[in-house]
Amino acid sequence: MVHSLESQIDGLLADLKSANDALKAKDQMFVDLERLVSHHESERDFLESKLENMNQVVNSMEERLGRTSSEQETAEAELAALRQVGDSNRTGEINSESQIAATLAVGRLIAKTLEHRNIQTKATCFRRWACSTSAMQAVAQQNYVAAELAHQLENTREKLVILKSHLKKSRRLGRDSGMECIVEGYETT
């Protein structure tokens, strides 16, 4: 009877252990699921912000395109007015009003050309500045890495000097030059 009771207790303990293991596995799955949900939410937030930025860029480009097309229409109208003035000059019909309009149109075209050249110059300068800044940042990063590498090499050199002096000392003393001696020599320094 005692033996059957012990076997029943052992069975219950085994069942409890397996239930505990299953509960731990479920807890771990729950933790993993929470981590995955958190990761998914952060990715979703990142993608939403990226989408918002892209929408802003698209809106900005559409606005620029609208301005450019209206500027192009204005320039085409001014060019047509200039051609009309040129045609009237060839036919001998010189009108002071058309000359003033032509002069204004030429002035506006020159101003637009100079403004466009100025914008291109600024863009070129910005690109050069961005490239040089990027290059300087890369050089600074390389200098940092080189300094870290030099520090590690100096530490390695010091350790090699310690190891070499310990090995020489252990040979003079006639001791075994095994790892125990090396560790003892390193601990004493």
C-alpha atoms as a PDB file:
ATOM      1  CA  MET A   1       0.000   0.000   0.000  1.00  0.00           C
ATOM      2  CA  VAL A   2       2.813   2.399   0.919  1.00  0.00           C
ATOM      3  CA  HIS A   3       4.578   1.399  -2.250  1.00  0.00           C
ATOM      4  CA  SER A   4       1.507   2.172  -4.394  1.00  0.00           C
ATOM      5  CA  LEU A   5       1.102   5.481  -2.575  1.00  0.00           C
ATOM      6  CA  GLU A   6       4.749   6.343  -3.312  1.00  0.00           C
ATOM      7  CA  SER A   7       4.267   5.430  -6.957  1.00  0.00           C
ATOM      8  CA  GLN A   8       1.140   7.609  -7.115  1.00  0.00           C
ATOM      9  CA  ILE A   9       3.050  10.506  -5.519  1.00  0.00           C
ATOM     10  CA  ASP A  10       5.888   9.972  -7.983  1.00  0.00           C
ATOM     11  CA  GLY A  11       3.362   9.992 -10.818  1.00  0.00           C
ATOM     12  CA  LEU A  12       1.795  13.199  -9.496  1.00  0.00           C
ATOM     13  CA  LEU A  13       5.224  14.795  -9.144  1.00  0.00           C
ATOM     14  CA  ALA A  14       6.088  13.783 -12.708  1.00  0.00           C
ATOM     15  CA  ASP A  15       2.767  15.209 -13.912  1.00  0.00           C
ATOM     16  CA  LEU A  16       3.386  18.412 -11.965  1.00  0.00           C
ATOM     17  CA  LYS A  17       6.888  18.673 -13.423  1.00  0.00           C
ATOM     18  CA  SER A  18       5.613  18.187 -16.971  1.00  0.00           C
ATOM     19  CA  ALA A  19       2.793  20.698 -16.334  1.00  0.00           C
ATOM     20  CA  ASN A  20       5.348  23.138 -14.898  1.00  0.00           C
ATOM     21  CA  ASP A  21       7.579  22.640 -17.941  1.00  0.00           C
ATOM     22  CA  ALA A  22       4.605  23.188 -20.244  1.00  0.00           C
ATOM     23  CA  LEU A  23       3.649  26.314 -18.278  1.00  0.00           C
ATOM     24  CA  LYS A  24       7.217  27.637 -18.550  1.00  0.00           C
ATOM     25  CA  ALA A  25       7.164  26.932 -22.290  1.00  0.00           C
ATOM     26  CA  LYS A  26       3.859  28.791 -22.614  1.00  0.00           C
ATOM     27  CA  ASP A  27       5.223  31.691 -20.561  1.00  0.00           C
ATOM     28  CA  GLN A  28       8.246  31.835 -22.851  1.00  0.00           C
ATOM     29  CA  MET A  29       5.965  31.745 -25.888  1.00  0.00           C
ATOM     30  CA  PHE A  30       3.944  34.589 -24.352  1.00  0.00           C
ATOM     31  CA  VAL A  31       7.113  36.632 -23.770  1.00  0.00           C
ATOM     32  CA  ASP A  32       8.240  35.931 -27.337  1.00  0.00           C
ATOM     33  CA  LEU A  33       4.813  36.907 -28.643  1.00  0.00           C
ATOM     34  CA  GLU A  34       4.877  40.176 -26.669  1.00  0.00           C
ATOM     35  CA  ARG A  35       8.338  40.919 -28.047  1.00  0.00           C
ATOM     36  CA  LEU A  36       7.155  40.190 -31.588  1.00  0.00           C
ATOM     37  CA  VAL A  37       4.070  42.385 -31.143  1.00  0.00           C
ATOM     38  CA  SER A  38       6.234  45.198 -29.779  1.00  0.00           C
ATOM     39  CA  HIS A  39       8.652  44.801 -32.696  1.00  0.00           C
ATOM     40  CA  HIS A  40       5.745  44.768 -35.161  1.00  0.00           C
ATOM     41  CA  GLU A  41       4.277  47.933 -33.625  1.00  0.00           C
ATOM     42  CA  SER A  42       7.605  49.745 -33.767  1.00  0.00           C
ATOM     43  CA  GLU A  43       8.050  48.690 -37.403  1.00  0.00           C
ATOM     44  CA  ARG A  44       4.512  49.846 -38.168  1.00  0.00           C
ATOM     45  CA  ASP A  45       5.203  53.235 -36.548  1.00  0.00           C
ATOM     46  CA  PHE A  46       8.462  53.525 -38.499  1.00  0.00           C
ATOM     47  CA  LEU A  47       6.739  52.652 -41.777  1.00  0.00           C
ATOM     48  CA  GLU A  48       3.894  55.075 -41.050  1.00  0.00           C
ATOM     49  CA  SER A  49       6.372  57.889 -40.443  1.00  0.00           C
ATOM     50  CA  LYS A  50       8.233  56.916 -43.598  1.00  0.00           C
ATOM     51  CA  LEU A  51       4.959  56.939 -45.539  1.00  0.00           C
ATOM     52  CA  GLU A  52       4.121  60.371 -44.109  1.00  0.00           C
ATOM     53  CA  ASN A  53       7.537  61.666 -45.172  1.00  0.00           C
ATOM     54  CA  MET A  54       7.059  60.229 -48.651  1.00  0.00           C
ATOM     55  CA  ASN A  55       3.629  61.880 -48.894  1.00  0.00           C
ATOM     56  CA  GLN A  56       5.182  65.205 -47.907  1.00  0.00           C
ATOM     57  CA  VAL A  57       7.867  64.789 -50.565  1.00  0.00           C
ATOM     58  CA  VAL A  58       5.252  63.914 -53.194  1.00  0.00           C
ATOM     59  CA  ASN A  59       3.143  66.941 -52.218  1.00  0.00           C
ATOM     60  CA  SER A  60       6.220  69.176 -52.365  1.00  0.00           C
ATOM     61  CA  MET A  61       7.148  67.809 -55.796  1.00  0.00           C
ATOM     62  CA  GLU A  62       3.590  68.314 -57.069  1.00  0.00           C
ATOM     63  CA  GLU A  63       3.670  71.898 -55.793  1.00  0.00           C
ATOM     64  CA  ARG A  64       7.015  72.538 -57.502  1.00  0.00           C
ATOM     65  CA  LEU A  65       5.747  70.954 -60.693  1.00  0.00           C
ATOM     66  CA  GLY A  66       2.691  73.224 -60.600  1.00  0.00           C
ATOM     67  CA  ARG A  67       4.886  76.298 -60.109  1.00  0.00           C
ATOM     68  CA  THR A  68       7.233  75.172 -62.868  1.00  0.00           C
ATOM     69  CA  SER A  69       4.386  74.616 -65.319  1.00  0.00           C
ATOM     70  CA  SER A  70       2.895  78.044 -64.550  1.00  0.00           C
ATOM     71  CA  GLU A  71       6.340  79.640 -64.950  1.00  0.00           C
ATOM     72  CA  GLN A  72       6.761  77.785 -68.229  1.00  0.00           C
ATOM     73  CA  GLU A  73       3.383  79.064 -69.456  1.00  0.00           C
ATOM     74  CA  THR A  74       4.377  82.633 -68.523  1.00  0.00           C
ATOM     75  CA  ALA A  75       7.707  82.289 -70.314  1.00  0.00           C
ATOM     76  CA  GLU A  76       5.971  80.875 -73.396  1.00  0.00           C
ATOM     77  CA  ALA A  77       3.515  83.792 -73.402  1.00  0.00           C
ATOM     78  CA  GLU A  78       6.400  86.271 -73.109  1.00  0.00           C
ATOM     79  CA  LEU A  79       8.264  84.499 -75.915  1.00  0.00           C
ATOM     80  CA  ALA A  80       5.157  84.655 -78.088  1.00  0.00           C
ATOM     81  CA  ALA A  81       4.889  88.391 -77.346  1.00  0.00           C
ATOM     82  CA  LEU A  82       8.542  88.831 -78.315  1.00  0.00           C
ATOM     83  CA  ARG A  83       7.991  86.969 -81.570  1.00  0.00           C
ATOM     84  CA  GLN A  84       4.988  89.116 -82.291  1.00  0.00           C
ATOM     85  CA  VAL A  85       7.041  92.257 -81.651  1.00  0.00           C
ATOM     86  CA  GLY A  86       9.820  90.861 -83.855  1.00  0.00           C
ATOM     87  CA  ASP A  87       7.324  90.147 -86.611  1.00  0.00           C
ATOM     88  CA  SER A  88       5.842  93.618 -86.316  1.00  0.00           C
ATOM     89  CA  ASN A  89       9.355  95.144 -86.450  1.00  0.00           C
ATOM     90  CA  ARG A  90      10.080  93.233 -89.656  1.00  0.00           C
ATOM     91  CA  THR A  91       6.898  94.462 -91.243  1.00  0.00           C
ATOM     92  CA  GLY A  92       7.687  98.016 -90.159  1.00  0.00           C
ATOM     93  CA  GLU A  93       4.828  98.388 -87.701  1.00  0.00           C
ATOM     94  CA  ILE A  94       6.739  99.731 -84.733  1.00  0.00           C
ATOM     95  CA  ASN A  95       4.518 100.373 -81.772  1.00  0.00           C
ATOM     96  CA  SER A  96       5.928 101.967 -78.614  1.00  0.00           C
ATOM     97  CA  GLU A  97       3.622  99.845 -76.491  1.00  0.00           C
ATOM     98  CA  SER A  98       4.879  96.661 -78.138  1.00  0.00           C
ATOM     99  CA  GLN A  99       8.477  97.814 -77.678  1.00  0.00           C
ATOM    100  CA  ILE A 100       7.869  98.338 -73.962  1.00  0.00           C
ATOM    101  CA  ALA A 101       6.236  94.901 -73.716  1.00  0.00           C
ATOM    102  CA  ALA A 102       9.150  93.370 -75.598  1.00  0.00           C
ATOM    103  CA  THR A 103      11.692  95.091 -73.358  1.00  0.00           C
ATOM    104  CA  LEU A 104       9.855  93.878 -70.249  1.00  0.00           C
ATOM    105  CA  ALA A 105       9.631  90.354 -71.629  1.00  0.00           C
ATOM    106  CA  VAL A 106      13.357  90.305 -72.427  1.00  0.00           C
ATOM    107  CA  GLY A 107      14.118  91.626 -68.938  1.00  0.00           C
ATOM    108  CA  ARG A 108      11.965  88.923 -67.338  1.00  0.00           C
ATOM    109  CA  LEU A 109      13.585  86.202 -69.436  1.00  0.00           C
ATOM    110  CA  ILE A 110      17.057  87.439 -68.450  1.00  0.00           C
ATOM    111  CA  ALA A 111      16.008  87.575 -64.793  1.00  0.00           C
ATOM    112  CA  LYS A 112      14.617  84.018 -64.983  1.00  0.00           C
ATOM    113  CA  THR A 113      17.813  82.795 -66.633  1.00  0.00           C
ATOM    114  CA  LEU A 114      19.986  84.427 -63.965  1.00  0.00           C
ATOM    115  CA  GLU A 115      17.737  83.081 -61.198  1.00  0.00           C
ATOM    116  CA  HIS A 116      17.959  79.576 -62.669  1.00  0.00           C
ATOM    117  CA  ARG A 117      21.755  79.846 -62.887  1.00  0.00           C
ATOM    118  CA  ASN A 118      21.871  81.049 -59.266  1.00  0.00           C
ATOM    119  CA  ILE A 119      19.772  78.067 -58.123  1.00  0.00           C
ATOM    120  CA  GLN A 120      22.030  75.673 -60.024  1.00  0.00           C
ATOM    121  CA  THR A 121      25.127  77.238 -58.433  1.00  0.00           C
ATOM    122  CA  LYS A 122      23.619  76.900 -54.964  1.00  0.00           C
ATOM    123  CA  ALA A 123      22.711  73.262 -55.643  1.00  0.00           C
ATOM    124  CA  THR A 124      26.253  72.521 -56.836  1.00  0.00           C
ATOM    125  CA  CYS A 125      27.721  74.180 -53.744  1.00  0.00           C
ATOM    126  CA  PHE A 126      25.378  72.199 -51.485  1.00  0.00           C
ATOM    127  CA  ARG A 127      26.317  68.920 -53.175  1.00  0.00           C
ATOM    128  CA  ARG A 128      30.032  69.718 -52.783  1.00  0.00           C
ATOM    129  CA  TRP A 129      29.517  70.636 -49.130  1.00  0.00           C
ATOM    130  CA  ALA A 130      27.549  67.433 -48.468  1.00  0.00           C
ATOM    131  CA  CYS A 131      30.235  65.304 -50.133  1.00  0.00           C
ATOM    132  CA  SER A 132      33.078  66.979 -48.259  1.00  0.00           C
ATOM    133  CA  THR A 133      31.207  66.680 -44.947  1.00  0.00           C
ATOM    134  CA  SER A 134      30.598  63.013 -45.603  1.00  0.00           C
ATOM    135  CA  ALA A 135      34.252  62.482 -46.464  1.00  0.00           C
ATOM    136  CA  MET A 136      35.392  64.323 -43.333  1.00  0.00           C
ATOM    137  CA  GLN A 137      33.053  62.212 -41.210  1.00  0.00           C
ATOM    138  CA  ALA A 138      34.443  59.033 -42.780  1.00  0.00           C
ATOM    139  CA  VAL A 139      38.008  60.173 -42.088  1.00  0.00           C
ATOM    140  CA  ALA A 140      37.108  60.982 -38.475  1.00  0.00           C
ATOM    141  CA  GLN A 141      35.574  57.519 -38.076  1.00  0.00           C
ATOM    142  CA  GLN A 142      38.672  55.928 -39.586  1.00  0.00           C
ATOM    143  CA  ASN A 143      40.885  57.930 -37.218  1.00  0.00           C
ATOM    144  CA  TYR A 144      38.826  56.706 -34.268  1.00  0.00           C
ATOM    145  CA  VAL A 145      39.114  53.102 -35.438  1.00  0.00           C
ATOM    146  CA  ALA A 146      42.860  53.533 -36.004  1.00  0.00           C
ATOM    147  CA  ALA A 147      43.293  54.944 -32.486  1.00  0.00           C
ATOM    148  CA  GLU A 148      41.372  52.007 -30.989  1.00  0.00           C
ATOM    149  CA  LEU A 149      43.456  49.568 -33.008  1.00  0.00           C
ATOM    150  CA  ALA A 150      46.678  51.269 -31.873  1.00  0.00           C
ATOM    151  CA  HIS A 151      45.515  51.026 -28.257  1.00  0.00           C
ATOM    152  CA  GLN A 152      44.742  47.311 -28.652  1.00  0.00           C
ATOM    153  CA  LEU A 153      48.098  46.729 -30.337  1.00  0.00           C
ATOM    154  CA  GLU A 154      49.878  48.516 -27.482  1.00  0.00           C
ATOM    155  CA  ASN A 155      48.065  46.336 -24.936  1.00  0.00           C
ATOM    156  CA  THR A 156      49.009  43.224 -26.906  1.00  0.00           C
ATOM    157  CA  ARG A 157      52.628  44.350 -27.088  1.00  0.00           C
ATOM    158  CA  GLU A 158      52.737  44.903 -23.320  1.00  0.00           C
ATOM    159  CA  LYS A 159      51.265  41.457 -22.681  1.00  0.00           C
ATOM    160  CA  LEU A 160      53.762  39.878 -25.063  1.00  0.00           C
ATOM    161  CA  VAL A 161      56.628  41.624 -23.259  1.00  0.00           C
ATOM    162  CA  ILE A 162      55.305  40.280 -19.931  1.00  0.00           C
ATOM    163  CA  LEU A 163      54.965  36.791 -21.397  1.00  0.00           C
ATOM    164  CA  LYS A 164      58.449  36.911 -22.895  1.00  0.00           C
ATOM    165  CA  SER A 165      60.044  38.087 -19.635  1.00  0.00           C
ATOM    166  CA  HIS A 166      58.199  35.403 -17.693  1.00  0.00           C
ATOM    167  CA  LEU A 167      59.308  32.703 -20.089  1.00  0.00           C
ATOM    168  CA  LYS A 168      62.915  33.879 -19.796  1.00  0.00           C
ATOM    169  CA  LYS A 169      62.627  33.921 -16.017  1.00  0.00           C
ATOM    170  CA  SER A 170      61.103  30.425 -15.910  1.00  0.00           C
ATOM    171  CA  ARG A 171      63.918  29.075 -18.128  1.00  0.00           C
ATOM    172  CA  ARG A 172      66.539  30.585 -15.801  1.00  0.00           C
ATOM    173  CA  LEU A 173      64.865  29.010 -12.824  1.00  0.00           C
ATOM    174  CA  GLY A 174      64.579  25.690 -14.663  1.00  0.00           C
ATOM    175  CA  ARG A 175      60.850  25.462 -14.176  1.00  0.00           C
ATOM    176  CA  ASP A 176      58.370  24.006 -16.557  1.00  0.00           C
ATOM    177  CA  SER A 177      57.265  26.585 -19.118  1.00  0.00           C
ATOM    178  CA  GLY A 178      53.689  25.299 -19.187  1.00  0.00           C
ATOM    179  CA  MET A 179      50.511  27.311 -18.864  1.00  0.00           C
ATOM    180  CA  GLU A 180      50.604  27.223 -15.052  1.00  0.00           C
ATOM    181  CA  CYS A 181      53.876  29.186 -15.056  1.00  0.00           C
ATOM    182  CA  ILE A 182      52.495  31.696 -17.536  1.00  0.00           C
ATOM    183  CA  VAL A 183      49.368  32.244 -15.477  1.00  0.00           C
ATOM    184  CA  GLU A 184      51.410  32.576 -12.261  1.00  0.00           C
ATOM    185  CA  GLY A 185      53.727  35.126 -13.916  1.00  0.00           C
ATOM    186  CA  TYR A 186      50.806  37.121 -15.301  1.00  0.00           C
ATOM    187  CA  GLU A 187      49.041  37.187 -11.921  1.00  0.00           C
ATOM    188  CA  THR A 188      52.165  38.491 -10.147  1.00  0.00           C
ATOM    189  CA  THR A 189      52.520  41.477 -12.499  1.00  0.00           C
END
